[in-house]
Amino acid sequence: MKKIMIIIILILIIFIVFFLINKNAGNQIYDNQIILFFSQTCIHCQNVKKFIIENDISQKLVFEEKDVSNSENLDVLNKLAKRCNLSRDISIPFLWNGNSCILGDVDIINFLKEKTKNN
C-alpha cells in the first residue's frame, strides 16, 4: 500500500511539473520579438503600413506582421494582450515590442521611428 501511494504521488508531481512547464513555455515564445498586428480594412493600420513602406522600416528592423483576419493570429494577439493586462476588446493596430504592448498608429509609428533613428 505504501508503494502505491509513493507511485501515485510521483505521478502527480510529474503531471504538475509537466503542466507548469507547458504553461510557461507559451508565454516565452514571443519574448524579444516585434510583431505588428493589423487588418487590411483598418485605416489606422494603413497609416502604419504607409509609414513602414515610405521609411524602409522593413530593411532597418526585423519584425513580423500578422493579419488579425486569421484566427490563429488573433489568438496570438489575445495572448499577448493578456500579458499586458489588456481586455479582449483590443483595437488595432497593435504592436508587441518583445515585452510590452503598444496600441494605435501614432504610438506605433513613434516606436518605429525611435527603433530605427540610427539606421
C-alpha atoms as a PDB file:
ATOM      1  CA  MET A   1       0.000   0.000   0.000  1.00  0.00           C
ATOM      2  CA  LYS A   2       2.857   2.353   0.835  1.00  0.00           C
ATOM      3  CA  LYS A   3       4.488   1.712  -2.566  1.00  0.00           C
ATOM      4  CA  ILE A   4       1.250   2.505  -4.372  1.00  0.00           C
ATOM      5  CA  MET A   5       0.938   5.834  -2.537  1.00  0.00           C
ATOM      6  CA  ILE A   6       4.518   6.742  -3.447  1.00  0.00           C
ATOM      7  CA  ILE A   7       3.883   5.900  -7.094  1.00  0.00           C
ATOM      8  CA  ILE A   8       0.684   7.979  -7.134  1.00  0.00           C
ATOM      9  CA  ILE A   9       2.472  10.935  -5.538  1.00  0.00           C
ATOM     10  CA  LEU A  10       5.321  10.698  -8.069  1.00  0.00           C
ATOM     11  CA  ILE A  11       2.859  10.589 -10.961  1.00  0.00           C
ATOM     12  CA  LEU A  12       1.084  13.663  -9.598  1.00  0.00           C
ATOM     13  CA  ILE A  13       4.371  15.529  -9.210  1.00  0.00           C
ATOM     14  CA  ILE A  14       5.394  14.678 -12.774  1.00  0.00           C
ATOM     15  CA  PHE A  15       1.995  15.795 -14.080  1.00  0.00           C
ATOM     16  CA  ILE A  16       2.158  19.107 -12.195  1.00  0.00           C
ATOM     17  CA  VAL A  17       5.716  19.831 -13.370  1.00  0.00           C
ATOM     18  CA  PHE A  18       4.794  18.996 -16.972  1.00  0.00           C
ATOM     19  CA  PHE A  19       1.730  21.271 -16.778  1.00  0.00           C
ATOM     20  CA  LEU A  20       3.714  24.196 -15.361  1.00  0.00           C
ATOM     21  CA  ILE A  21       6.479  23.857 -17.946  1.00  0.00           C
ATOM     22  CA  ASN A  22       3.989  23.838 -20.830  1.00  0.00           C
ATOM     23  CA  LYS A  23       2.040  26.769 -19.406  1.00  0.00           C
ATOM     24  CA  ASN A  24       5.140  28.965 -19.112  1.00  0.00           C
ATOM     25  CA  ALA A  25       6.639  27.867 -22.441  1.00  0.00           C
ATOM     26  CA  GLY A  26       3.850  29.538 -24.389  1.00  0.00           C
ATOM     27  CA  ASN A  27       4.491  32.853 -22.655  1.00  0.00           C
ATOM     28  CA  GLN A  28       8.151  32.946 -23.624  1.00  0.00           C
ATOM     29  CA  ILE A  29       7.673  32.263 -27.331  1.00  0.00           C
ATOM     30  CA  TYR A  30       7.273  35.916 -28.281  1.00  0.00           C
ATOM     31  CA  ASP A  31       9.806  37.486 -25.922  1.00  0.00           C
ATOM     32  CA  ASN A  32      12.251  39.784 -27.752  1.00  0.00           C
ATOM     33  CA  GLN A  33      10.197  39.509 -30.939  1.00  0.00           C
ATOM     34  CA  ILE A  34       8.455  42.507 -32.528  1.00  0.00           C
ATOM     35  CA  ILE A  35       5.049  41.737 -34.018  1.00  0.00           C
ATOM     36  CA  LEU A  36       2.666  44.151 -35.731  1.00  0.00           C
ATOM     37  CA  PHE A  37      -0.983  43.084 -35.758  1.00  0.00           C
ATOM     38  CA  PHE A  38      -3.161  44.727 -38.405  1.00  0.00           C
ATOM     39  CA  SER A  39      -6.206  44.393 -40.610  1.00  0.00           C
ATOM     40  CA  GLN A  40      -6.499  45.236 -44.295  1.00  0.00           C
ATOM     41  CA  THR A  41      -9.659  47.257 -43.582  1.00  0.00           C
ATOM     42  CA  CYS A  42      -8.251  49.317 -40.706  1.00  0.00           C
ATOM     43  CA  ILE A  43      -7.471  52.945 -41.592  1.00  0.00           C
ATOM     44  CA  HIS A  44      -5.032  53.374 -38.693  1.00  0.00           C
ATOM     45  CA  CYS A  45      -3.275  50.160 -39.724  1.00  0.00           C
ATOM     46  CA  GLN A  46      -2.861  51.568 -43.204  1.00  0.00           C
ATOM     47  CA  ASN A  47      -1.195  54.667 -41.701  1.00  0.00           C
ATOM     48  CA  VAL A  48       1.378  52.398 -40.041  1.00  0.00           C
ATOM     49  CA  LYS A  49       1.874  50.335 -43.209  1.00  0.00           C
ATOM     50  CA  LYS A  50       2.372  53.519 -45.246  1.00  0.00           C
ATOM     51  CA  PHE A  51       4.990  54.733 -42.746  1.00  0.00           C
ATOM     52  CA  ILE A  52       6.770  51.365 -42.897  1.00  0.00           C
ATOM     53  CA  ILE A  53       6.914  51.443 -46.693  1.00  0.00           C
ATOM     54  CA  GLU A  54       7.883  55.112 -47.058  1.00  0.00           C
ATOM     55  CA  ASN A  55      10.682  54.820 -44.495  1.00  0.00           C
ATOM     56  CA  ASP A  56      12.010  51.348 -45.449  1.00  0.00           C
ATOM     57  CA  ILE A  57      11.402  50.152 -41.893  1.00  0.00           C
ATOM     58  CA  SER A  58      11.424  46.524 -43.044  1.00  0.00           C
ATOM     59  CA  GLN A  59      15.047  47.000 -44.139  1.00  0.00           C
ATOM     60  CA  LYS A  60      16.052  48.566 -40.810  1.00  0.00           C
ATOM     61  CA  LEU A  61      14.162  46.467 -38.288  1.00  0.00           C
ATOM     62  CA  VAL A  62      13.289  42.800 -38.008  1.00  0.00           C
ATOM     63  CA  PHE A  63       9.616  42.350 -37.195  1.00  0.00           C
ATOM     64  CA  GLU A  64       6.722  40.140 -38.104  1.00  0.00           C
ATOM     65  CA  GLU A  65       3.335  41.244 -39.415  1.00  0.00           C
ATOM     66  CA  LYS A  66       0.163  39.325 -38.580  1.00  0.00           C
ATOM     67  CA  ASP A  67      -3.239  39.989 -40.116  1.00  0.00           C
ATOM     68  CA  VAL A  68      -5.936  39.542 -37.456  1.00  0.00           C
ATOM     69  CA  SER A  69      -8.426  38.247 -40.026  1.00  0.00           C
ATOM     70  CA  ASN A  70      -6.554  34.957 -39.480  1.00  0.00           C
ATOM     71  CA  SER A  71      -7.943  33.356 -36.302  1.00  0.00           C
ATOM     72  CA  GLU A  72      -4.537  31.962 -35.272  1.00  0.00           C
ATOM     73  CA  ASN A  73      -3.030  35.457 -35.456  1.00  0.00           C
ATOM     74  CA  LEU A  74      -5.948  36.826 -33.452  1.00  0.00           C
ATOM     75  CA  ASP A  75      -5.318  34.175 -30.791  1.00  0.00           C
ATOM     76  CA  VAL A  76      -1.667  35.268 -30.572  1.00  0.00           C
ATOM     77  CA  LEU A  77      -2.755  38.907 -30.239  1.00  0.00           C
ATOM     78  CA  ASN A  78      -5.142  37.991 -27.416  1.00  0.00           C
ATOM     79  CA  LYS A  79      -2.430  36.039 -25.574  1.00  0.00           C
ATOM     80  CA  LEU A  80      -0.013  38.946 -25.807  1.00  0.00           C
ATOM     81  CA  ALA A  81      -2.677  41.451 -24.786  1.00  0.00           C
ATOM     82  CA  LYS A  82      -3.400  39.305 -21.749  1.00  0.00           C
ATOM     83  CA  ARG A  83       0.292  39.531 -20.816  1.00  0.00           C
ATOM     84  CA  CYS A  84      -0.151  43.332 -20.864  1.00  0.00           C
ATOM     85  CA  ASN A  85      -3.306  43.058 -18.727  1.00  0.00           C
ATOM     86  CA  LEU A  86      -5.471  44.329 -21.587  1.00  0.00           C
ATOM     87  CA  SER A  87      -9.046  43.201 -22.162  1.00  0.00           C
ATOM     88  CA  ARG A  88     -10.114  41.097 -25.122  1.00  0.00           C
ATOM     89  CA  ASP A  89     -11.634  44.189 -26.798  1.00  0.00           C
ATOM     90  CA  ILE A  90      -8.355  45.350 -28.273  1.00  0.00           C
ATOM     91  CA  SER A  91      -8.007  47.862 -31.041  1.00  0.00           C
ATOM     92  CA  ILE A  92      -5.597  47.562 -33.915  1.00  0.00           C
ATOM     93  CA  PRO A  93      -3.021  48.398 -34.972  1.00  0.00           C
ATOM     94  CA  PHE A  94      -1.384  46.598 -32.088  1.00  0.00           C
ATOM     95  CA  LEU A  95       2.351  46.134 -31.710  1.00  0.00           C
ATOM     96  CA  TRP A  96       4.099  43.685 -29.412  1.00  0.00           C
ATOM     97  CA  ASN A  97       7.594  45.122 -28.914  1.00  0.00           C
ATOM     98  CA  GLY A  98       9.078  41.995 -27.378  1.00  0.00           C
ATOM     99  CA  ASN A  99       7.972  42.643 -23.813  1.00  0.00           C
ATOM    100  CA  SER A 100       5.041  45.082 -23.853  1.00  0.00           C
ATOM    101  CA  CYS A 101       2.086  46.250 -25.927  1.00  0.00           C
ATOM    102  CA  ILE A 102       1.759  49.416 -27.996  1.00  0.00           C
ATOM    103  CA  LEU A 103      -1.654  50.449 -29.303  1.00  0.00           C
ATOM    104  CA  GLY A 104      -2.610  52.921 -32.010  1.00  0.00           C
ATOM    105  CA  ASP A 105      -0.942  54.219 -35.138  1.00  0.00           C
ATOM    106  CA  VAL A 106       0.692  57.289 -33.545  1.00  0.00           C
ATOM    107  CA  ASP A 107       2.371  55.356 -30.727  1.00  0.00           C
ATOM    108  CA  ILE A 108       3.437  52.530 -33.046  1.00  0.00           C
ATOM    109  CA  ILE A 109       4.925  54.964 -35.577  1.00  0.00           C
ATOM    110  CA  ASN A 110       6.769  56.754 -32.763  1.00  0.00           C
ATOM    111  CA  PHE A 111       8.138  53.407 -31.559  1.00  0.00           C
ATOM    112  CA  LEU A 112       9.311  52.530 -35.084  1.00  0.00           C
ATOM    113  CA  LYS A 113      10.932  55.959 -35.508  1.00  0.00           C
ATOM    114  CA  GLU A 114      12.789  55.559 -32.206  1.00  0.00           C
ATOM    115  CA  LYS A 115      13.892  51.984 -33.013  1.00  0.00           C
ATOM    116  CA  THR A 116      15.258  52.968 -36.440  1.00  0.00           C
ATOM    117  CA  LYS A 117      16.525  56.511 -35.907  1.00  0.00           C
ATOM    118  CA  ASN A 118      20.197  55.486 -36.071  1.00  0.00           C
ATOM    119  CA  ASN A 119      19.759  53.322 -39.176  1.00  0.00           C
END
